[in-house]
Amino acid sequence: MLYTKAPVIHTKLGPFLRLFTFTTTFVSFILFIFTHKTQYRKGDVVITYVLFIGGLILEACSLALLISSNQALLKLRHLTCMLTFISTLRKLKPTENKWSGKMAQSNLIKFWIHDEKRNLNKTWSKEWVLACGVSYREIIKKCRPTVGVTVPPELKKFIFKELRRKLRTVDDPKGYKRLSNSRGEWVLQWMGYRNVFGWSVDDVEFDESILLWHIATDLCYQSDKYDDNVTQQQGQFQKVKIWVEKLLHPKQQQQNEGTDKKEENEGKDKNGWLSKIMSDYMFYLLMQCNTMMTSGIGHIRYADTCAEASRFFGEEDVNWKMVCERLLEVDTSALKQVKGDWSMSVLFHACSLAQSLNNEKEISKEKKWEIISAVWVEMLCYAASQCRGYQHAQRLSKGGEFLSFVWLIMAHLGIGDMYRREAHRQKVKLIVQK
């Protein structure tokens, strides 16, 4: 799976082999210096010197990298003199290209609200693209911006917590397999909302489900954000009142200040923020990381959805607030007539999902984001389990991927088919000759 020299180098025999190759190259170079070279052409001698010097530099660098490696530091940590030498050598070592600790983010609605990009979508129509032989994948990578955010510790804890919670409900090998193959239906069934939102994960393909929940998550997140801004504006008078009371009664206000801040921080819901991060990350994987997650016809769905949005908004100059308000007000009672039979757009189905999440009477704002975040964790785990091990390994050469960490924690917890095999009982028939 991994093409590396580590199993040979980082053994008891490895350092001696590395030292042996360096020594033999150095001795050969010394012998060549003192040999008579009059019978050879000057150009050949110069080339030989260059090859020897280049080989010595490569061997010296390899030996230095071996001595300054993490494995050598771990094995020689008890030797003070060697530890000082290795620490000094590591300071001269260039910075390694390790995982940045970030996860890429790509957003579909953000792509719509820029005029030049929406016009680009109109120009690069499906018929024109097919006629010119240009792939959607090339256009998408050039047109859609991608940013990276540092993976928050809260997200790591939340994913681990969700996996541990699911493990408590499983007690047989079939349950583990069913758990790894779930992409939202398990958590909806467990929360009791599969009858309401199950259509978005049961009856659709995985790439379509990602697009549905990505758009719906963005609409819910932005609508809640603007509602909170309105609430803050309405509360400006209350803040002025508290400030006046603080001037009139400073001691009493100082006693209540610590309690108020504590309650505010404890009551702050982070599920919406985590859902937004996971949503943008999954959309990035679907559109731009096809080696790790098969998108199927996701690029065609993406193009049809963008075309649907362009027709819906027209030449109108839109912003986040206008997009959310217009899409959440769409009448989704006749989706087939609105979308048409030929289109693979998921725009109005995503609007229907967002409206259901916002308008369901039994679902509060906190419960809504609890559902959305749990669904995204399950989708993330499903994508990680469907990605092959060698594909995770290939991404290491490009800095690694957060999806690989999810895959490793699933393997550590025993979720998926990495190591678990279901035992089949077979009947044994003993034949005894008479």
Protein backbone atom coordinates (compact mmCIF):
# COMPACT_ATOMS: atom_id res chain seq x y z
CA MET A 1 0.00 0.00 0.00
CA LEU A 2 2.86 2.38 0.86
CA TYR A 3 6.00 2.43 -1.28
CA THR A 4 8.65 3.34 1.27
CA LYS A 5 12.11 2.27 2.45
CA ALA A 6 11.14 2.69 6.09
CA PRO A 7 10.74 -1.07 6.83
CA VAL A 8 14.36 -1.58 5.71
CA ILE A 9 16.02 1.59 6.99
CA HIS A 10 14.45 1.81 10.45
CA THR A 11 15.63 -1.61 11.62
CA LYS A 12 18.72 -2.77 13.49
CA LEU A 13 20.44 -3.55 10.19
CA GLY A 14 19.27 -0.38 8.43
CA PRO A 15 21.82 2.13 9.84
CA PHE A 16 24.69 -0.27 9.12
CA LEU A 17 23.54 -0.68 5.51
CA ARG A 18 23.32 3.08 5.10
CA LEU A 19 26.78 3.54 6.65
CA PHE A 20 28.17 0.75 4.45
CA THR A 21 26.96 2.36 1.22
CA PHE A 22 28.37 5.74 2.27
CA THR A 23 31.72 4.21 3.25
CA THR A 24 32.12 2.21 0.04
CA THR A 25 31.27 5.25 -2.08
CA PHE A 26 33.77 7.38 -0.15
CA VAL A 27 36.55 4.76 -0.41
CA SER A 28 35.92 4.38 -4.14
CA PHE A 29 36.22 8.14 -4.54
CA ILE A 30 39.53 8.24 -2.64
CA LEU A 31 40.94 5.37 -4.71
CA PHE A 32 39.92 7.11 -7.90
CA ILE A 33 41.72 10.28 -6.82
CA PHE A 34 45.07 8.50 -6.37
CA THR A 35 44.90 6.37 -9.48
CA HIS A 36 46.71 7.32 -12.70
CA LYS A 37 44.23 8.85 -15.11
CA THR A 38 46.54 9.89 -17.93
CA GLN A 39 45.18 7.22 -20.27
CA TYR A 40 41.62 8.62 -19.96
CA ARG A 41 40.19 11.65 -21.65
CA LYS A 42 39.87 14.79 -19.54
CA GLY A 43 36.14 15.05 -20.15
CA ASP A 44 35.52 11.51 -18.87
CA VAL A 45 37.56 12.20 -15.74
CA VAL A 46 35.57 15.36 -15.00
CA ILE A 47 32.26 13.51 -15.44
CA THR A 48 33.46 10.75 -13.09
CA TYR A 49 34.38 13.33 -10.45
CA VAL A 50 30.95 14.92 -10.77
CA LEU A 51 29.23 11.53 -10.40
CA PHE A 52 31.30 10.64 -7.33
CA ILE A 53 30.66 13.99 -5.65
CA GLY A 54 26.95 13.78 -6.43
CA GLY A 55 26.77 10.25 -5.04
CA LEU A 56 28.59 11.28 -1.86
CA ILE A 57 26.23 14.22 -1.35
CA LEU A 58 23.19 11.97 -1.77
CA GLU A 59 24.58 9.36 0.63
CA ALA A 60 25.50 12.04 3.19
CA CYS A 61 22.02 13.55 3.00
CA SER A 62 20.41 10.13 3.39
CA LEU A 63 22.58 9.40 6.42
CA ALA A 64 21.77 12.79 7.95
CA LEU A 65 18.04 12.26 7.38
CA LEU A 66 18.27 8.86 9.03
CA ILE A 67 20.07 10.24 12.08
CA SER A 68 17.68 13.20 12.42
CA SER A 69 14.51 11.14 11.94
CA ASN A 70 11.85 10.78 14.61
CA GLN A 71 12.61 7.07 14.96
CA ALA A 72 16.28 7.76 15.70
CA LEU A 73 15.34 10.45 18.20
CA LEU A 74 13.05 7.99 19.97
CA LYS A 75 15.62 5.18 20.09
CA LEU A 76 18.53 7.40 21.22
CA ARG A 77 16.61 9.57 23.69
CA HIS A 78 18.48 8.06 26.65
CA LEU A 79 21.92 9.04 25.27
CA THR A 80 22.48 12.68 26.20
CA CYS A 81 25.41 13.31 23.86
CA MET A 82 23.64 11.80 20.85
CA LEU A 83 20.43 13.59 21.73
CA THR A 84 22.21 16.96 21.66
CA PHE A 85 23.82 16.13 18.31
CA ILE A 86 20.52 14.99 16.79
CA SER A 87 18.71 18.08 18.07
CA THR A 88 21.34 20.31 16.47
CA LEU A 89 21.11 18.36 13.23
CA ARG A 90 17.30 18.61 13.19
CA LYS A 91 17.51 22.42 13.32
CA LEU A 92 19.39 22.37 10.01
CA LYS A 93 16.80 20.07 8.49
CA PRO A 94 14.27 21.82 6.18
CA THR A 95 10.65 21.90 7.26
CA GLU A 96 8.89 18.66 6.37
CA ASN A 97 5.76 18.65 4.24
CA LYS A 98 3.47 17.17 6.87
CA TRP A 99 -0.27 17.41 7.13
CA SER A 100 -1.24 21.06 7.49
CA GLY A 101 -4.04 20.30 9.93
CA LYS A 102 -6.54 21.94 7.58
CA MET A 103 -9.54 20.73 5.64
CA ALA A 104 -10.54 22.22 2.30
CA GLN A 105 -13.81 24.12 1.98
CA SER A 106 -15.85 24.69 -1.15
CA ASN A 107 -19.33 26.20 -1.23
CA LEU A 108 -21.93 26.02 -3.96
CA ILE A 109 -24.07 29.05 -3.06
CA LYS A 110 -20.96 31.19 -2.65
CA PHE A 111 -20.17 30.29 -6.23
CA TRP A 112 -23.57 31.56 -7.38
CA ILE A 113 -23.57 34.98 -5.76
CA HIS A 114 -20.65 36.32 -7.83
CA ASP A 115 -21.92 37.86 -11.03
CA GLU A 116 -18.98 36.93 -13.17
CA LYS A 117 -19.15 33.30 -12.09
CA ARG A 118 -22.90 33.05 -12.65
CA ASN A 119 -22.38 34.50 -16.12
CA LEU A 120 -19.62 31.94 -16.66
CA ASN A 121 -22.10 29.20 -15.83
CA LYS A 122 -24.45 30.54 -18.49
CA THR A 123 -21.66 30.73 -21.06
CA TRP A 124 -20.39 27.22 -20.37
CA SER A 125 -23.72 25.54 -21.03
CA LYS A 126 -23.97 21.78 -21.19
CA GLU A 127 -24.51 21.71 -24.96
CA TRP A 128 -21.57 24.04 -25.61
CA VAL A 129 -19.26 22.07 -23.33
CA LEU A 130 -20.14 18.74 -24.92
CA ALA A 131 -19.68 20.21 -28.39
CA CYS A 132 -16.18 21.47 -27.55
CA GLY A 133 -15.16 18.28 -25.77
CA VAL A 134 -14.32 20.03 -22.50
CA SER A 135 -14.95 18.06 -19.31
CA TYR A 136 -17.04 19.46 -16.49
CA ARG A 137 -14.32 18.48 -14.06
CA GLU A 138 -11.81 20.85 -15.67
CA ILE A 139 -14.30 23.73 -15.64
CA ILE A 140 -15.29 23.13 -12.03
CA LYS A 141 -11.69 23.08 -10.81
CA LYS A 142 -10.93 26.35 -12.61
CA CYS A 143 -14.11 28.19 -11.69
CA ARG A 144 -14.83 27.27 -8.08
CA PRO A 145 -12.56 28.68 -5.35
CA THR A 146 -11.35 26.43 -2.55
CA VAL A 147 -10.15 27.62 0.84
CA GLY A 148 -8.79 25.74 3.83
CA VAL A 149 -9.73 26.01 7.49
CA THR A 150 -7.93 24.54 10.47
CA VAL A 151 -9.66 21.41 11.71
CA PRO A 152 -11.27 22.50 14.99
CA PRO A 153 -10.73 20.26 18.04
CA GLU A 154 -14.49 20.39 18.60
CA LEU A 155 -15.04 18.60 15.30
CA LYS A 156 -12.66 15.78 16.21
CA LYS A 157 -14.34 15.31 19.57
CA PHE A 158 -17.78 15.46 18.01
CA ILE A 159 -17.01 12.77 15.40
CA PHE A 160 -15.47 10.50 18.02
CA LYS A 161 -18.44 11.03 20.31
CA GLU A 162 -20.91 10.17 17.53
CA LEU A 163 -19.02 6.99 16.64
CA ARG A 164 -18.89 5.89 20.27
CA ARG A 165 -22.61 6.52 20.63
CA LYS A 166 -23.38 4.35 17.60
CA LEU A 167 -21.12 1.56 18.82
CA ARG A 168 -23.24 1.16 21.95
CA THR A 169 -26.19 0.07 19.79
CA VAL A 170 -24.28 -2.67 17.92
CA ASP A 171 -23.65 -6.15 19.27
CA ASP A 172 -23.10 -8.37 16.22
CA PRO A 173 -20.95 -8.36 13.03
CA LYS A 174 -23.93 -7.57 10.81
CA GLY A 175 -24.60 -4.51 12.93
CA TYR A 176 -21.05 -3.24 12.38
CA LYS A 177 -21.39 -3.71 8.64
CA ARG A 178 -24.77 -1.99 8.59
CA LEU A 179 -23.32 0.86 10.62
CA SER A 180 -20.46 1.45 8.17
CA ASN A 181 -22.83 1.34 5.18
CA SER A 182 -25.23 3.93 6.61
CA ARG A 183 -25.12 7.39 5.06
CA GLY A 184 -27.72 9.20 7.12
CA GLU A 185 -30.57 6.73 7.41
CA TRP A 186 -29.32 5.15 10.65
CA VAL A 187 -29.16 8.39 12.62
CA LEU A 188 -32.51 9.57 11.22
CA GLN A 189 -34.05 6.26 12.27
CA TRP A 190 -32.46 6.53 15.71
CA MET A 191 -33.73 10.09 16.20
CA GLY A 192 -37.18 9.22 14.87
CA TYR A 193 -37.18 11.46 11.78
CA ARG A 194 -36.62 8.94 9.00
CA ASN A 195 -40.24 9.26 7.86
CA VAL A 196 -39.74 13.01 7.47
CA PHE A 197 -36.24 13.29 5.97
CA GLY A 198 -35.53 9.72 4.88
CA TRP A 199 -36.27 10.49 1.21
CA SER A 200 -33.09 12.58 1.05
CA VAL A 201 -30.83 9.62 1.89
CA ASP A 202 -32.80 6.44 1.11
CA ASP A 203 -34.12 6.97 -2.41
CA VAL A 204 -31.20 8.92 -3.91
CA GLU A 205 -27.59 8.26 -4.82
CA PHE A 206 -24.81 9.34 -2.49
CA ASP A 207 -23.62 12.26 -4.63
CA GLU A 208 -27.18 13.56 -4.92
CA SER A 209 -27.64 13.24 -1.17
CA ILE A 210 -24.49 15.30 -0.57
CA LEU A 211 -25.71 18.08 -2.86
CA LEU A 212 -29.16 18.06 -1.23
CA TRP A 213 -27.85 18.35 2.30
CA HIS A 214 -25.09 20.80 1.29
CA ILE A 215 -27.57 23.32 -0.11
CA ALA A 216 -30.08 22.72 2.69
CA THR A 217 -27.38 23.15 5.35
CA ASP A 218 -26.27 26.44 3.82
CA LEU A 219 -29.82 27.76 3.60
CA CYS A 220 -30.55 26.84 7.23
CA TYR A 221 -27.22 28.24 8.43
CA GLN A 222 -27.57 31.57 6.66
CA SER A 223 -31.24 32.00 7.61
CA ASP A 224 -30.41 31.40 11.28
CA LYS A 225 -27.48 33.79 10.95
CA TYR A 226 -29.69 36.60 9.68
CA ASP A 227 -32.34 35.84 12.29
CA ASP A 228 -29.66 36.16 14.97
CA ASN A 229 -28.56 39.50 13.50
CA VAL A 230 -32.13 40.78 13.68
CA THR A 231 -32.37 39.62 17.27
CA GLN A 232 -29.12 41.41 18.08
CA GLN A 233 -30.38 44.62 16.52
CA GLN A 234 -33.58 44.39 18.52
CA GLY A 235 -31.51 43.90 21.66
CA GLN A 236 -29.42 47.05 21.29
CA PHE A 237 -31.78 48.96 23.56
CA GLN A 238 -31.42 46.24 26.19
CA LYS A 239 -27.62 46.55 26.02
CA VAL A 240 -27.83 50.30 26.53
CA LYS A 241 -30.09 49.70 29.50
CA ILE A 242 -27.60 47.24 31.03
CA TRP A 243 -24.76 49.72 30.45
CA VAL A 244 -26.70 52.45 32.29
CA GLU A 245 -27.43 50.06 35.16
CA LYS A 246 -23.74 49.19 35.31
CA LEU A 247 -22.90 52.86 35.80
CA LEU A 248 -25.56 53.28 38.49
CA HIS A 249 -24.95 49.96 40.30
CA PRO A 250 -21.39 48.80 39.49
CA LYS A 251 -21.01 46.25 42.31
CA GLN A 252 -24.21 44.37 41.58
CA GLN A 253 -23.50 44.34 37.85
CA GLN A 254 -20.00 42.88 38.38
CA GLN A 255 -21.45 39.98 40.37
CA ASN A 256 -23.92 39.11 37.61
CA GLU A 257 -21.45 39.58 34.75
CA GLY A 258 -19.51 36.36 35.32
CA THR A 259 -22.67 34.27 35.59
CA ASP A 260 -24.14 35.78 32.40
CA LYS A 261 -20.99 35.09 30.38
CA LYS A 262 -20.82 31.52 31.62
CA GLU A 263 -24.44 30.85 30.70
CA GLU A 264 -23.94 32.48 27.30
CA ASN A 265 -20.92 30.31 26.46
CA GLU A 266 -22.59 27.14 27.70
CA GLY A 267 -25.74 27.88 25.73
CA LYS A 268 -23.91 28.62 22.51
CA ASP A 269 -24.74 25.90 19.99
CA LYS A 270 -21.76 24.74 17.95
CA ASN A 271 -23.57 22.08 15.92
CA GLY A 272 -24.48 24.59 13.22
CA TRP A 273 -20.89 25.74 12.83
CA LEU A 274 -19.59 22.16 12.69
CA SER A 275 -22.30 21.20 10.20
CA LYS A 276 -21.25 24.06 7.92
CA ILE A 277 -17.61 22.94 8.00
CA MET A 278 -18.46 19.30 7.25
CA SER A 279 -20.89 20.33 4.51
CA ASP A 280 -18.32 22.45 2.64
CA TYR A 281 -15.68 19.74 3.08
CA MET A 282 -17.90 16.99 1.68
CA PHE A 283 -18.81 19.19 -1.28
CA TYR A 284 -15.09 19.73 -1.92
CA LEU A 285 -14.46 15.97 -1.85
CA LEU A 286 -17.34 15.31 -4.22
CA MET A 287 -16.33 17.90 -6.80
CA GLN A 288 -12.53 18.06 -6.64
CA CYS A 289 -11.24 14.91 -4.98
CA ASN A 290 -12.51 12.14 -7.22
CA THR A 291 -9.65 9.79 -6.37
CA MET A 292 -11.02 9.36 -2.85
CA MET A 293 -14.75 9.53 -3.49
CA THR A 294 -16.53 8.46 -6.66
CA SER A 295 -18.82 11.26 -7.71
CA GLY A 296 -20.83 9.25 -10.24
CA ILE A 297 -22.79 11.79 -12.25
CA GLY A 298 -22.37 14.39 -9.52
CA HIS A 299 -20.70 16.84 -11.91
CA ILE A 300 -23.71 16.71 -14.24
CA ARG A 301 -26.03 17.26 -11.28
CA TYR A 302 -23.85 20.17 -10.23
CA ALA A 303 -24.01 21.73 -13.71
CA ASP A 304 -27.78 21.28 -13.93
CA THR A 305 -28.22 22.76 -10.45
CA CYS A 306 -26.13 25.80 -11.39
CA ALA A 307 -28.11 26.22 -14.60
CA GLU A 308 -31.35 25.99 -12.61
CA ALA A 309 -30.11 28.65 -10.20
CA SER A 310 -29.08 30.91 -13.09
CA ARG A 311 -32.55 30.65 -14.63
CA PHE A 312 -34.18 31.21 -11.25
CA PHE A 313 -32.23 34.37 -10.34
CA GLY A 314 -31.78 35.62 -13.91
CA GLU A 315 -29.76 38.82 -14.28
CA GLU A 316 -30.59 39.89 -10.74
CA ASP A 317 -27.71 40.99 -8.52
CA VAL A 318 -28.06 38.70 -5.51
CA ASN A 319 -26.36 38.34 -2.13
CA TRP A 320 -26.44 35.74 0.63
CA LYS A 321 -29.56 37.14 2.28
CA MET A 322 -31.50 37.41 -0.97
CA VAL A 323 -30.53 33.88 -2.06
CA CYS A 324 -31.70 32.38 1.22
CA GLU A 325 -34.96 34.32 1.31
CA ARG A 326 -35.85 33.57 -2.30
CA LEU A 327 -35.05 29.86 -2.10
CA LEU A 328 -36.79 29.34 1.24
CA GLU A 329 -39.93 30.94 -0.20
CA VAL A 330 -40.08 28.60 -3.20
CA ASP A 331 -43.29 26.60 -3.57
CA THR A 332 -42.00 23.02 -3.66
CA SER A 333 -45.39 21.35 -4.01
CA ALA A 334 -44.89 20.71 -7.76
CA LEU A 335 -41.19 19.99 -8.10
CA LYS A 336 -41.47 17.84 -11.23
CA GLN A 337 -43.24 20.57 -13.18
CA VAL A 338 -40.74 23.18 -12.02
CA LYS A 339 -37.62 21.12 -12.67
CA GLY A 340 -38.69 19.13 -15.72
CA ASP A 341 -38.12 15.48 -16.54
CA TRP A 342 -34.71 15.81 -18.18
CA SER A 343 -32.94 17.94 -15.58
CA MET A 344 -30.86 16.42 -12.78
CA SER A 345 -30.94 19.60 -10.73
CA VAL A 346 -31.37 19.16 -6.98
CA LEU A 347 -31.95 22.85 -6.23
CA PHE A 348 -35.65 22.77 -5.44
CA HIS A 349 -35.49 19.40 -3.68
CA ALA A 350 -32.82 20.96 -1.45
CA CYS A 351 -35.16 23.91 -0.86
CA SER A 352 -37.86 21.45 0.18
CA LEU A 353 -35.45 19.79 2.61
CA ALA A 354 -34.39 23.13 4.09
CA GLN A 355 -38.02 24.21 4.49
CA SER A 356 -38.85 20.95 6.25
CA LEU A 357 -35.92 21.41 8.64
CA ASN A 358 -36.90 25.01 9.41
CA ASN A 359 -40.67 24.62 9.57
CA GLU A 360 -41.13 21.28 11.32
CA LYS A 361 -43.14 22.08 14.43
CA GLU A 362 -41.56 19.46 16.68
CA ILE A 363 -37.99 20.48 15.78
CA SER A 364 -36.37 23.38 17.63
CA LYS A 365 -33.32 25.22 16.33
CA GLU A 366 -30.99 23.20 18.58
CA LYS A 367 -32.65 19.93 17.55
CA LYS A 368 -32.41 20.90 13.89
CA TRP A 369 -28.66 21.34 14.04
CA GLU A 370 -28.30 18.19 16.09
CA ILE A 371 -29.98 16.28 13.25
CA ILE A 372 -27.97 17.98 10.49
CA SER A 373 -24.61 17.52 12.23
CA ALA A 374 -25.32 13.84 12.96
CA VAL A 375 -26.27 13.22 9.32
CA TRP A 376 -23.06 14.86 8.11
CA VAL A 377 -20.94 12.74 10.45
CA GLU A 378 -22.59 9.61 9.08
CA MET A 379 -22.01 10.75 5.50
CA LEU A 380 -18.38 11.55 6.30
CA CYS A 381 -17.85 8.11 7.81
CA TYR A 382 -19.56 6.44 4.86
CA ALA A 383 -17.28 8.27 2.41
CA ALA A 384 -14.24 7.25 4.46
CA SER A 385 -15.26 3.58 4.56
CA GLN A 386 -15.94 3.47 0.81
CA CYS A 387 -12.51 4.87 -0.01
CA ARG A 388 -9.87 2.17 -0.50
CA GLY A 389 -6.76 2.01 1.66
CA TYR A 390 -4.37 2.69 -1.22
CA GLN A 391 -6.35 5.82 -2.08
CA HIS A 392 -5.84 7.13 1.45
CA ALA A 393 -2.14 6.31 1.11
CA GLN A 394 -1.84 8.15 -2.20
CA ARG A 395 -3.15 11.35 -0.62
CA LEU A 396 -0.23 11.30 1.84
CA SER A 397 2.08 12.51 -0.92
CA LYS A 398 -0.13 15.61 -1.24
CA GLY A 399 -0.19 16.45 2.45
CA GLY A 400 -2.89 14.05 3.62
CA GLU A 401 -6.63 14.40 3.97
CA PHE A 402 -8.94 14.73 6.97
CA LEU A 403 -11.03 11.88 5.54
CA SER A 404 -8.09 9.51 6.14
CA PHE A 405 -8.10 10.36 9.84
CA VAL A 406 -11.79 9.51 9.99
CA TRP A 407 -11.03 6.21 8.25
CA LEU A 408 -8.30 5.40 10.76
CA ILE A 409 -10.46 6.14 13.80
CA MET A 410 -13.19 3.93 12.32
CA ALA A 411 -10.67 1.13 11.88
CA HIS A 412 -9.46 1.65 15.44
CA LEU A 413 -13.02 1.34 16.75
CA GLY A 414 -13.72 -1.71 14.59
CA ILE A 415 -16.26 -0.05 12.30
CA GLY A 416 -16.24 -1.10 8.66
CA ASP A 417 -14.92 -4.10 6.78
CA MET A 418 -11.19 -3.36 7.18
CA TYR A 419 -10.57 -6.17 9.64
CA ARG A 420 -13.94 -7.53 10.69
CA ARG A 421 -15.08 -10.70 8.99
CA GLU A 422 -18.32 -12.46 9.64
CA ALA A 423 -17.82 -16.05 10.67
CA HIS A 424 -19.86 -18.55 8.67
CA ARG A 425 -20.77 -21.77 10.32
CA GLN A 426 -20.54 -24.83 8.13
CA LYS A 427 -21.95 -28.22 8.81
CA VAL A 428 -19.44 -31.03 8.79
CA LYS A 429 -20.61 -34.45 7.74
CA LEU A 430 -18.57 -37.40 8.93
CA ILE A 431 -18.75 -40.45 6.69
CA VAL A 432 -17.68 -43.72 8.24
CA GLN A 433 -17.31 -46.74 6.04
CA LYS A 434 -19.00 -49.87 7.29
